Amino acid sequence: MPGTRLTENDRHEIAAGLREGLGYAEIARRLGRPTSTVSREVSRNGGPGGYRAGRAHAAAGRRARRAGSAPPAVRPAALGAHGRDPRRCAGTSRSSPR
């Protein structure tokens, strides 16, 4: 499953591997993930002695949600009538020949 986010089940597998005393490389092999993914996951969430799958999954969900919203692409004052950017609409008038 490389290239996708860790699932809650993946996190439980990581926790079980740590309890068994396995190294990051062995845990990663069992999950089919890069070793660096397991290493980062554990270091972000309490380290080898403090890693808890449920807490790690909740924290990942919070980190995935971005605060705030993106600024508008065009300032509202720059928009013409009907909320359209006149620069983008130039030459698209219905009265012009097609």
C-alpha atoms as a PDB file:
ATOM      1  CA  MET A   1       0.000   0.000   0.000  1.00  0.00           C
ATOM      2  CA  PRO A   2       2.873   2.448  -0.560  1.00  0.00           C
ATOM      3  CA  GLY A   3       1.900   5.996  -1.389  1.00  0.00           C
ATOM      4  CA  THR A   4      -1.284   5.922   0.682  1.00  0.00           C
ATOM      5  CA  ARG A   5      -1.929   7.097   4.190  1.00  0.00           C
ATOM      6  CA  LEU A   6      -1.513   4.758   7.109  1.00  0.00           C
ATOM      7  CA  THR A   7      -4.762   3.164   8.193  1.00  0.00           C
ATOM      8  CA  GLU A   8      -5.807   2.615  11.766  1.00  0.00           C
ATOM      9  CA  ASN A   9      -5.070  -1.091  11.245  1.00  0.00           C
ATOM     10  CA  ASP A  10      -1.532  -0.199  10.037  1.00  0.00           C
ATOM     11  CA  ARG A  11      -1.028   1.790  13.227  1.00  0.00           C
ATOM     12  CA  HIS A  12      -2.189  -1.149  15.358  1.00  0.00           C
ATOM     13  CA  GLU A  13       0.305  -3.365  13.494  1.00  0.00           C
ATOM     14  CA  ILE A  14       3.067  -0.846  14.229  1.00  0.00           C
ATOM     15  CA  ALA A  15       2.118  -0.826  17.930  1.00  0.00           C
ATOM     16  CA  ALA A  16       2.093  -4.638  18.025  1.00  0.00           C
ATOM     17  CA  GLY A  17       5.486  -4.790  16.333  1.00  0.00           C
ATOM     18  CA  LEU A  18       6.946  -2.354  18.845  1.00  0.00           C
ATOM     19  CA  ARG A  19       5.534  -4.416  21.732  1.00  0.00           C
ATOM     20  CA  GLU A  20       7.178  -7.522  20.232  1.00  0.00           C
ATOM     21  CA  GLY A  21      10.489  -5.649  20.135  1.00  0.00           C
ATOM     22  CA  LEU A  22      10.729  -5.634  16.326  1.00  0.00           C
ATOM     23  CA  GLY A  23      12.818  -3.048  14.530  1.00  0.00           C
ATOM     24  CA  TYR A  24      11.330  -0.417  12.222  1.00  0.00           C
ATOM     25  CA  ALA A  25      12.619  -2.260   9.137  1.00  0.00           C
ATOM     26  CA  GLU A  26      10.860  -5.511  10.085  1.00  0.00           C
ATOM     27  CA  ILE A  27       7.608  -3.707  10.929  1.00  0.00           C
ATOM     28  CA  ALA A  28       7.818  -1.858   7.608  1.00  0.00           C
ATOM     29  CA  ARG A  29       8.395  -5.113   5.698  1.00  0.00           C
ATOM     30  CA  ARG A  30       5.326  -6.676   7.301  1.00  0.00           C
ATOM     31  CA  LEU A  31       3.238  -3.649   6.306  1.00  0.00           C
ATOM     32  CA  GLY A  32       4.746  -3.328   2.835  1.00  0.00           C
ATOM     33  CA  ARG A  33       5.819   0.232   3.632  1.00  0.00           C
ATOM     34  CA  PRO A  34       9.127   2.082   3.551  1.00  0.00           C
ATOM     35  CA  THR A  35      11.101   1.968   6.803  1.00  0.00           C
ATOM     36  CA  SER A  36      11.118   5.782   6.876  1.00  0.00           C
ATOM     37  CA  THR A  37       7.300   5.825   7.036  1.00  0.00           C
ATOM     38  CA  VAL A  38       7.299   3.671  10.160  1.00  0.00           C
ATOM     39  CA  SER A  39      10.162   5.641  11.708  1.00  0.00           C
ATOM     40  CA  ARG A  40       8.420   8.992  11.142  1.00  0.00           C
ATOM     41  CA  GLU A  41       5.090   7.663  12.379  1.00  0.00           C
ATOM     42  CA  VAL A  42       6.612   6.421  15.634  1.00  0.00           C
ATOM     43  CA  SER A  43       8.720   9.527  16.243  1.00  0.00           C
ATOM     44  CA  ARG A  44       5.725  11.838  15.650  1.00  0.00           C
ATOM     45  CA  ASN A  45       3.567   9.918  18.090  1.00  0.00           C
ATOM     46  CA  GLY A  46       5.395   9.243  21.323  1.00  0.00           C
ATOM     47  CA  GLY A  47       8.481   7.294  20.299  1.00  0.00           C
ATOM     48  CA  PRO A  48       9.050   3.545  20.661  1.00  0.00           C
ATOM     49  CA  GLY A  49       8.048   3.457  24.331  1.00  0.00           C
ATOM     50  CA  GLY A  50       5.045   5.760  24.106  1.00  0.00           C
ATOM     51  CA  TYR A  51       3.450   4.902  20.761  1.00  0.00           C
ATOM     52  CA  ARG A  52      -0.310   4.278  20.988  1.00  0.00           C
ATOM     53  CA  ALA A  53      -2.171   3.384  17.793  1.00  0.00           C
ATOM     54  CA  GLY A  54      -5.505   5.024  18.682  1.00  0.00           C
ATOM     55  CA  ARG A  55      -3.901   8.258  19.813  1.00  0.00           C
ATOM     56  CA  ALA A  56      -1.640   8.277  16.738  1.00  0.00           C
ATOM     57  CA  HIS A  57      -4.606   7.797  14.401  1.00  0.00           C
ATOM     58  CA  ALA A  58      -6.555  10.638  16.027  1.00  0.00           C
ATOM     59  CA  ALA A  59      -3.528  12.937  15.854  1.00  0.00           C
ATOM     60  CA  ALA A  60      -3.026  12.116  12.160  1.00  0.00           C
ATOM     61  CA  GLY A  61      -6.647  13.041  11.495  1.00  0.00           C
ATOM     62  CA  ARG A  62      -6.185  16.388  13.238  1.00  0.00           C
ATOM     63  CA  ARG A  63      -2.978  17.079  11.313  1.00  0.00           C
ATOM     64  CA  ALA A  64      -4.678  16.247   8.004  1.00  0.00           C
ATOM     65  CA  ARG A  65      -7.306  18.957   8.496  1.00  0.00           C
ATOM     66  CA  ARG A  66      -5.949  22.295   7.458  1.00  0.00           C
ATOM     67  CA  ALA A  67      -7.009  25.344   9.468  1.00  0.00           C
ATOM     68  CA  GLY A  68      -8.488  28.327   7.667  1.00  0.00           C
ATOM     69  CA  SER A  69      -9.269  28.674   4.033  1.00  0.00           C
ATOM     70  CA  ALA A  70      -7.292  29.625   0.971  1.00  0.00           C
ATOM     71  CA  PRO A  71      -7.346  33.290  -0.001  1.00  0.00           C
ATOM     72  CA  PRO A  72      -9.502  34.124  -3.025  1.00  0.00           C
ATOM     73  CA  ALA A  73      -7.696  33.950  -6.353  1.00  0.00           C
ATOM     74  CA  VAL A  74      -8.980  37.429  -7.278  1.00  0.00           C
ATOM     75  CA  ARG A  75      -9.759  40.191  -4.812  1.00  0.00           C
ATOM     76  CA  PRO A  76     -13.539  40.743  -4.706  1.00  0.00           C
ATOM     77  CA  ALA A  77     -13.066  44.463  -5.519  1.00  0.00           C
ATOM     78  CA  ALA A  78     -11.370  43.473  -8.792  1.00  0.00           C
ATOM     79  CA  LEU A  79     -14.401  41.501  -9.928  1.00  0.00           C
ATOM     80  CA  GLY A  80     -16.711  43.128 -12.458  1.00  0.00           C
ATOM     81  CA  ALA A  81     -20.473  42.872 -12.705  1.00  0.00           C
ATOM     82  CA  HIS A  82     -21.947  39.476 -11.888  1.00  0.00           C
ATOM     83  CA  GLY A  83     -18.854  38.475  -9.893  1.00  0.00           C
ATOM     84  CA  ARG A  84     -16.706  37.709 -12.916  1.00  0.00           C
ATOM     85  CA  ASP A  85     -13.125  38.728 -13.478  1.00  0.00           C
ATOM     86  CA  PRO A  86     -13.299  41.088 -16.495  1.00  0.00           C
ATOM     87  CA  ARG A  87      -9.751  40.152 -17.552  1.00  0.00           C
ATOM     88  CA  ARG A  88     -10.755  36.505 -17.937  1.00  0.00           C
ATOM     89  CA  CYS A  89     -13.956  37.368 -19.756  1.00  0.00           C
ATOM     90  CA  ALA A  90     -12.374  39.719 -22.292  1.00  0.00           C
ATOM     91  CA  GLY A  91     -13.568  38.901 -25.781  1.00  0.00           C
ATOM     92  CA  THR A  92     -16.242  36.483 -24.634  1.00  0.00           C
ATOM     93  CA  SER A  93     -19.212  38.828 -24.925  1.00  0.00           C
ATOM     94  CA  ARG A  94     -22.290  37.270 -26.488  1.00  0.00           C
ATOM     95  CA  SER A  95     -22.663  40.299 -28.746  1.00  0.00           C
ATOM     96  CA  SER A  96     -19.342  39.599 -30.435  1.00  0.00           C
ATOM     97  CA  PRO A  97     -19.305  37.385 -33.551  1.00  0.00           C
ATOM     98  CA  ARG A  98     -18.506  33.728 -32.960  1.00  0.00           C
END
